[in-house]
C-alpha atoms as a PDB file:
ATOM      1  CA  MET A   1     -19.371  14.250  21.871  1.00  0.00           C
ATOM      2  CA  PRO A   2     -15.666  14.652  20.937  1.00  0.00           C
ATOM      3  CA  SER A   3     -14.868  15.837  17.436  1.00  0.00           C
ATOM      4  CA  ALA A   4     -12.956  13.667  14.979  1.00  0.00           C
ATOM      5  CA  PRO A   5      -9.243  14.425  14.558  1.00  0.00           C
ATOM      6  CA  PRO A   6      -8.198  16.360  11.444  1.00  0.00           C
ATOM      7  CA  TYR A   7      -7.705  14.146   8.399  1.00  0.00           C
ATOM      8  CA  LEU A   8      -5.249  14.809   5.560  1.00  0.00           C
ATOM      9  CA  GLN A   9      -5.333  12.825   2.300  1.00  0.00           C
ATOM     10  CA  LEU A  10      -2.222  12.417   0.100  1.00  0.00           C
ATOM     11  CA  SER A  11      -1.700  10.663  -3.226  1.00  0.00           C
ATOM     12  CA  LEU A  12       1.091   9.842  -5.643  1.00  0.00           C
ATOM     13  CA  ALA A  13       0.883  13.423  -6.960  1.00  0.00           C
ATOM     14  CA  ASP A  14       1.980  14.670  -3.518  1.00  0.00           C
ATOM     15  CA  ALA A  15       5.194  12.590  -3.475  1.00  0.00           C
ATOM     16  CA  GLY A  16       8.166  14.591  -2.243  1.00  0.00           C
ATOM     17  CA  SER A  17       5.980  16.883  -0.126  1.00  0.00           C
ATOM     18  CA  GLU A  18       6.665  17.917   3.438  1.00  0.00           C
ATOM     19  CA  VAL A  19       3.542  17.376   5.524  1.00  0.00           C
ATOM     20  CA  HIS A  20       2.871  19.272   8.764  1.00  0.00           C
ATOM     21  CA  MET A  21       0.562  17.629  11.290  1.00  0.00           C
ATOM     22  CA  LEU A  22      -0.409  17.810  14.927  1.00  0.00           C
ATOM     23  CA  ARG A  23      -0.366  14.876  17.347  1.00  0.00           C
ATOM     24  CA  GLY A  24      -3.545  12.848  16.902  1.00  0.00           C
ATOM     25  CA  ASP A  25      -4.140  13.914  13.275  1.00  0.00           C
ATOM     26  CA  LEU A  26      -4.897  11.192  10.723  1.00  0.00           C
ATOM     27  CA  LEU A  27      -3.108  10.823   7.395  1.00  0.00           C
ATOM     28  CA  GLY A  28      -4.565   8.857   4.505  1.00  0.00           C
ATOM     29  CA  ILE A  29      -2.296   7.765   1.643  1.00  0.00           C
ATOM     30  CA  ALA A  30      -3.824   6.534  -1.628  1.00  0.00           C
ATOM     31  CA  LEU A  31      -1.338   4.887  -3.998  1.00  0.00           C
ATOM     32  CA  PRO A  32      -2.022   3.172  -7.324  1.00  0.00           C
ATOM     33  CA  SER A  33      -2.675  -0.531  -7.393  1.00  0.00           C
ATOM     34  CA  THR A  34      -3.777  -2.745 -10.247  1.00  0.00           C
ATOM     35  CA  SER A  35      -3.585  -6.026  -8.406  1.00  0.00           C
ATOM     36  CA  PRO A  36      -3.556  -8.950  -8.994  1.00  0.00           C
ATOM     37  CA  MET A  37      -1.432  -8.511 -12.144  1.00  0.00           C
ATOM     38  CA  GLY A  38      -0.092  -4.971 -11.976  1.00  0.00           C
ATOM     39  CA  VAL A  39       1.370  -2.431  -9.615  1.00  0.00           C
ATOM     40  CA  ARG A  40       1.644  -3.083  -5.887  1.00  0.00           C
ATOM     41  CA  CYS A  41       2.858  -0.632  -3.247  1.00  0.00           C
ATOM     42  CA  TRP A  42       4.135  -1.448   0.201  1.00  0.00           C
ATOM     43  CA  ILE A  43       5.410   0.639   3.072  1.00  0.00           C
ATOM     44  CA  GLU A  44       9.199   0.577   3.399  1.00  0.00           C
ATOM     45  CA  GLU A  45       9.770   3.259   6.013  1.00  0.00           C
ATOM     46  CA  PRO A  46       6.672   3.941   8.145  1.00  0.00           C
ATOM     47  CA  ALA A  47       7.834   7.181   9.854  1.00  0.00           C
ATOM     48  CA  ALA A  48       7.724   5.090  13.045  1.00  0.00           C
ATOM     49  CA  PRO A  49       9.228   7.721  15.325  1.00  0.00           C
ATOM     50  CA  VAL A  50       6.238  10.036  14.745  1.00  0.00           C
ATOM     51  CA  MET A  51       3.491   7.924  13.121  1.00  0.00           C
ATOM     52  CA  GLU A  52       1.619   4.686  13.776  1.00  0.00           C
ATOM     53  CA  ILE A  53      -0.199   2.652  11.148  1.00  0.00           C
ATOM     54  CA  GLU A  54      -3.911   2.632  11.936  1.00  0.00           C
ATOM     55  CA  GLN A  55      -5.012   0.587   8.921  1.00  0.00           C
ATOM     56  CA  GLU A  56      -3.235  -1.166   6.075  1.00  0.00           C
ATOM     57  CA  PRO A  57      -4.814  -1.302   2.619  1.00  0.00           C
ATOM     58  CA  ALA A  58      -7.713  -3.601   1.922  1.00  0.00           C
ATOM     59  CA  ARG A  59      -6.518  -3.890  -1.678  1.00  0.00           C
ATOM     60  CA  ALA A  60      -9.353  -1.851  -3.127  1.00  0.00           C
ATOM     61  CA  VAL A  61      -9.712  -1.746  -6.875  1.00  0.00           C
ATOM     62  CA  ARG A  62      -6.892   0.326  -8.404  1.00  0.00           C
ATOM     63  CA  THR A  63      -5.819   1.944  -5.109  1.00  0.00           C
ATOM     64  CA  ASP A  64      -4.028   0.940  -1.930  1.00  0.00           C
ATOM     65  CA  ARG A  65      -5.226   3.098   0.972  1.00  0.00           C
ATOM     66  CA  TRP A  66      -3.135   3.461   4.114  1.00  0.00           C
ATOM     67  CA  LEU A  67      -4.269   5.241   7.267  1.00  0.00           C
ATOM     68  CA  LEU A  68      -1.688   6.535   9.755  1.00  0.00           C
ATOM     69  CA  ARG A  69      -1.926   8.599  12.949  1.00  0.00           C
ATOM     70  CA  ALA A  70       0.547  11.247  14.136  1.00  0.00           C
ATOM     71  CA  THR A  71       1.582  10.074  17.608  1.00  0.00           C
ATOM     72  CA  ARG A  72       4.795  11.884  18.609  1.00  0.00           C
ATOM     73  CA  ILE A  73       6.368  15.278  18.015  1.00  0.00           C
ATOM     74  CA  GLY A  74       9.274  15.151  15.576  1.00  0.00           C
ATOM     75  CA  GLN A  75      10.142  14.576  11.928  1.00  0.00           C
ATOM     76  CA  ALA A  76      10.507  11.369   9.940  1.00  0.00           C
ATOM     77  CA  ARG A  77      10.418   9.992   6.426  1.00  0.00           C
ATOM     78  CA  LEU A  78       7.415   8.033   5.181  1.00  0.00           C
ATOM     79  CA  ARG A  79       8.486   5.922   2.201  1.00  0.00           C
ATOM     80  CA  PHE A  80       6.693   3.438  -0.019  1.00  0.00           C
ATOM     81  CA  GLU A  81       7.955   1.250  -2.844  1.00  0.00           C
ATOM     82  CA  CYS A  82       5.737   0.561  -5.839  1.00  0.00           C
ATOM     83  CA  HIS A  83       6.615  -2.228  -8.232  1.00  0.00           C
ATOM     84  CA  GLU A  84       5.042  -3.780 -11.294  1.00  0.00           C
ATOM     85  CA  ASP A  85       4.556  -7.509 -10.932  1.00  0.00           C
ATOM     86  CA  LEU A  86       6.899  -9.537 -13.131  1.00  0.00           C
ATOM     87  CA  SER A  87       8.848  -6.423 -14.113  1.00  0.00           C
ATOM     88  CA  PRO A  88      12.655  -6.440 -13.940  1.00  0.00           C
ATOM     89  CA  ALA A  89      12.628  -2.669 -13.285  1.00  0.00           C
ATOM     90  CA  SER A  90      13.563  -1.348  -9.868  1.00  0.00           C
ATOM     91  CA  PRO A  91      10.699  -0.362  -7.561  1.00  0.00           C
ATOM     92  CA  ARG A  92       9.553   3.252  -7.675  1.00  0.00           C
ATOM     93  CA  GLN A  93      10.170   5.176  -4.444  1.00  0.00           C
ATOM     94  CA  VAL A  94       7.289   7.316  -3.162  1.00  0.00           C
ATOM     95  CA  GLU A  95       8.330   9.462  -0.237  1.00  0.00           C
ATOM     96  CA  TYR A  96       6.883  12.115   2.066  1.00  0.00           C
ATOM     97  CA  THR A  97       8.518  14.010   4.925  1.00  0.00           C
ATOM     98  CA  ILE A  98       6.267  14.088   7.979  1.00  0.00           C
ATOM     99  CA  ARG A  99       6.637  16.750  10.664  1.00  0.00           C
ATOM    100  CA  VAL A 100       4.472  16.488  13.767  1.00  0.00           C
ATOM    101  CA  ASP A 101       4.153  19.490  16.079  1.00  0.00           C
END
């Protein structure tokens, strides 16, 4: 029976981090969400050269959970925007640098 690929979990507290992964590794991102009348986060830059989205959030209570897989060797930026509904403020940028070896 094959073993599961390594899994790394990041949150808002890890924003700005550089993440090192191997091809096939899974990356979970948990960002705040208070839908339907609060904060919503969406992926702006999916690190497409090195990552593929495995699962988009199911809008769980208070958290959006993304699951991505490292697919190609290289480096890319993974960026999310979080915005409060009905707020005139600019969206908050949440960014990680992903390096796949």
